[in-house]
Amino acid sequence: MKLCIPSVNEEGLDSYVHQHFGRCPYYTLLDDDTGEVKVFNNTSEHLGGVGLPPELIKKYGVDIMLCAGLGPKAVGMFEDLGITVYVGAAGTIRDAVEQWRLNTLQLATFDNACKDHGH
């Protein structure tokens, strides 16, 4: 299972969860089966690139997205792409993964989606 977490830098599991999933500079991938960690740049249109973050993330074969929060449009896009999203992630990437493993994160829904930041 591949997990993706928005990241403030390229430090892998030691990076911190970026609070704005679509405008983060990096995404950290974790293959939960093998333990392999990979960091890639956010090249979406939010940072001057092409496409939307859920589309970019799908290209990496992600199954689960862990983030602090996201807007209703992103919730719908992830649902359409078959990627399960959990919100409430905080601390380091390692912390966020542990929060997911302990089942302390919430499944993202339209009801708990961010309503500010123009989402």
Protein backbone atom coordinates (compact mmCIF):
# COMPACT_ATOMS: atom_id res chain seq x y z
CA MET A 1 0.00 0.00 0.00
CA LYS A 2 1.42 3.41 -0.96
CA LEU A 3 0.89 6.38 1.34
CA CYS A 4 1.43 10.01 0.36
CA ILE A 5 1.89 12.93 2.77
CA PRO A 6 2.38 16.64 1.89
CA SER A 7 5.81 17.70 3.16
CA VAL A 8 7.63 20.91 4.01
CA ASN A 9 11.01 19.63 2.78
CA GLU A 10 12.86 16.63 1.30
CA GLU A 11 13.81 14.98 4.61
CA GLY A 12 11.54 11.96 4.08
CA LEU A 13 10.03 10.59 7.28
CA ASP A 14 11.73 13.35 9.31
CA SER A 15 10.05 16.14 7.35
CA TYR A 16 6.97 17.81 8.78
CA VAL A 17 3.46 17.55 7.39
CA HIS A 18 2.71 20.65 5.33
CA GLN A 19 -0.52 22.26 6.46
CA HIS A 20 -1.78 23.09 2.96
CA PHE A 21 -1.80 19.90 0.94
CA GLY A 22 -2.17 21.50 -2.51
CA ARG A 23 0.52 24.14 -2.04
CA CYS A 24 3.17 22.03 -0.34
CA PRO A 25 6.59 22.03 -2.03
CA TYR A 26 7.01 18.23 -1.72
CA TYR A 27 5.13 14.99 -1.24
CA THR A 28 6.61 12.07 0.65
CA LEU A 29 5.66 8.57 -0.49
CA LEU A 30 5.92 5.56 1.77
CA ASP A 31 5.43 2.02 0.52
CA ASP A 32 3.94 0.53 3.68
CA ASP A 33 4.76 -3.00 2.51
CA THR A 34 8.46 -2.49 1.74
CA GLY A 35 9.29 0.59 3.85
CA GLU A 36 10.67 2.39 0.77
CA VAL A 37 10.48 6.19 1.04
CA LYS A 38 10.51 8.54 -1.95
CA VAL A 39 10.11 12.33 -2.05
CA PHE A 40 8.90 14.16 -5.15
CA ASN A 41 8.27 17.81 -6.01
CA ASN A 42 4.78 19.23 -6.21
CA THR A 43 4.66 20.13 -9.90
CA SER A 44 0.92 20.90 -9.92
CA GLU A 45 -0.63 24.10 -11.22
CA HIS A 46 -0.79 25.40 -7.64
CA LEU A 47 2.98 25.92 -7.87
CA GLY A 48 3.14 26.97 -11.52
CA GLY A 49 3.13 23.50 -13.05
CA VAL A 50 0.46 21.47 -14.79
CA GLY A 51 -2.53 19.55 -13.42
CA LEU A 52 -4.09 19.36 -10.00
CA PRO A 53 -2.46 17.70 -6.97
CA PRO A 54 -4.78 14.65 -6.89
CA GLU A 55 -3.94 13.94 -10.55
CA LEU A 56 -0.21 14.24 -9.84
CA ILE A 57 -0.45 11.98 -6.81
CA LYS A 58 -2.40 9.34 -8.76
CA LYS A 59 0.51 9.05 -11.23
CA TYR A 60 2.65 7.70 -8.38
CA GLY A 61 0.24 4.85 -7.66
CA VAL A 62 -0.86 6.23 -4.29
CA ASP A 63 -3.57 4.34 -2.41
CA ILE A 64 -3.87 6.56 0.69
CA MET A 65 -3.30 10.29 1.27
CA LEU A 66 -2.61 11.56 4.79
CA CYS A 67 -2.93 15.32 5.30
CA ALA A 68 -3.86 18.00 7.79
CA GLY A 69 -6.92 18.94 5.79
CA LEU A 70 -8.17 19.63 2.27
CA GLY A 71 -11.04 21.30 0.48
CA PRO A 72 -14.25 19.70 -0.77
CA LYS A 73 -13.14 19.83 -4.42
CA ALA A 74 -10.04 17.78 -3.57
CA VAL A 75 -12.12 15.34 -1.50
CA GLY A 76 -14.28 14.69 -4.56
CA MET A 77 -11.30 14.38 -6.90
CA PHE A 78 -9.55 11.87 -4.65
CA GLU A 79 -12.78 9.85 -4.37
CA ASP A 80 -13.11 9.81 -8.16
CA LEU A 81 -9.48 8.64 -8.48
CA GLY A 82 -9.94 5.86 -5.93
CA ILE A 83 -7.53 7.33 -3.36
CA THR A 84 -8.61 7.19 0.28
CA VAL A 85 -7.82 10.36 2.22
CA TYR A 86 -7.40 10.83 5.96
CA VAL A 87 -7.27 14.25 7.66
CA GLY A 88 -5.85 15.45 10.95
CA ALA A 89 -2.23 14.46 10.28
CA ALA A 90 0.29 16.53 12.25
CA GLY A 91 3.94 16.52 13.27
CA THR A 92 6.52 14.69 11.22
CA ILE A 93 5.74 12.36 8.34
CA ARG A 94 6.71 9.51 10.66
CA ASP A 95 4.16 10.83 13.21
CA ALA A 96 1.43 11.03 10.56
CA VAL A 97 2.03 7.44 9.48
CA GLU A 98 1.86 6.31 13.11
CA GLN A 99 -1.39 8.27 13.58
CA TRP A 100 -2.81 6.41 10.55
CA ARG A 101 -1.64 3.05 11.86
CA LEU A 102 -3.25 3.80 15.25
CA ASN A 103 -6.48 4.77 13.46
CA THR A 104 -6.54 8.27 15.03
CA LEU A 105 -7.01 10.15 11.74
CA GLN A 106 -10.45 10.87 10.27
CA LEU A 107 -11.60 9.74 6.86
CA ALA A 108 -11.94 12.87 4.69
CA THR A 109 -15.52 13.81 3.83
CA PHE A 110 -17.30 16.84 2.43
CA ASP A 111 -18.47 17.59 5.98
CA ASN A 112 -14.96 17.84 7.47
CA ALA A 113 -13.36 19.50 4.43
CA CYS A 114 -11.69 22.91 4.83
CA LYS A 115 -14.02 25.73 3.91
CA ASP A 116 -11.39 28.52 3.91
CA HIS A 117 -8.35 29.31 1.74
CA GLY A 118 -10.64 29.50 -1.30
CA HIS A 119 -11.28 25.73 -1.41
